[in-house]
Amino acid sequence: MIDILPTLALCTGRDNPDKALLRAWSLVLSSRRFLNRVEGGRLLVAPAVAHLAVKEIMAYEGENRPRVVPAPLPDNSWVSLLVVGFFVGATVWLDSRGLGRSMTWHMAGRADAGLILDGEWWRCVTALFLHADAGHLLANAAALAVLASMLGRRIGSGLTWALFLLSGSLGNAVNAWAQAPDHLSVGASTGVFGLIGVLAGGAGRAQRQSRAQVLLLALGFGFGFLAMLGAGEERVDLGAHLFGLLCGLPFGLLVGNWRGAHGWKVWLNAMSGAAGAVLTFWAWTKALAGPGGF
């Protein structure tokens, strides 16, 4: 019998394995019915199966290698709080002003299903920045502050707010298609549930399971939040919440295993944040250029 430890030292970088590791390797070989024995700090196997024994141990080491989880980003909650604070302040200021006798901010930017289907796509974006009353505004602002701070440390603030806009806008678009043409809605909650969908997809993506199991886990997580938070009052737009959640899920499955923005992800974050700001400005420009606007 020959000692395979010199070969394993070259393959694994473990020059002096301790007794516990030698015992584990020996058990691995025994489970695969390789005759072996540990003797005098050596791991002995038959010469004919030495290369197969090394291969088995290498496979074992690969499967049991500790996962290196990158540290999250430094606390960047202030970015999300700043955005939410600006959002609330701008909303309060704009609500105190009007666009004239023929038009209001809500008329210009609300999600009007019939108008969206007629091509006024920008309403899917602008509706995220309008609210029915102060309670509606503050509830969504509080939810955004928590969700955006959580996601911002994992995937970066720029991408977080871009996903808020993207999932919320897509949710409003699908909701307009699914509802009656006279359906009207406003509020950031579609984007809020989009971020919940991102978190749900991330929770499923983090599990080492098959794709079907991951999807079911993500859906269960998301629908649980929807049942608790999104379907409790008569004025709640359940369709907007549901479609926002469903639109956020694929993005969560895509970026669910990210832990911090490094390398090219830094550029992606910066570009995503800038793109979100440009999209918002462009959508409101289109809304205010409509009939009765500026």
Foldseek 3Di string as FASTA:
>chain_A
DDFLQVVLCVVPVCNQDDPVVLVVLVVQCVVVPFDWDQDPSTIDGDPVCSVVSSVSVVVVCVVPPDDDADAWAPQPLVVQLVVLVVLVVVQVVQVVDAQDDVGGLCRLQWLQLQVVVVPLLLSLQSLASDDDDPVQSVVQSVLSSVLLSVVCRFQHNLQLVLQLRVLSSQLSNVLSVVDDNRDIHGHSLLSSLLSQLLQLLLVLLPDPDDPVSSVVSSVVSSVVCCVVPQPDDPPGPSSSSVSSNVSNNVNSVVRSSGRYQDDVSVVVSVVSNVVSVVSNVVSVVVSQPDVSHD
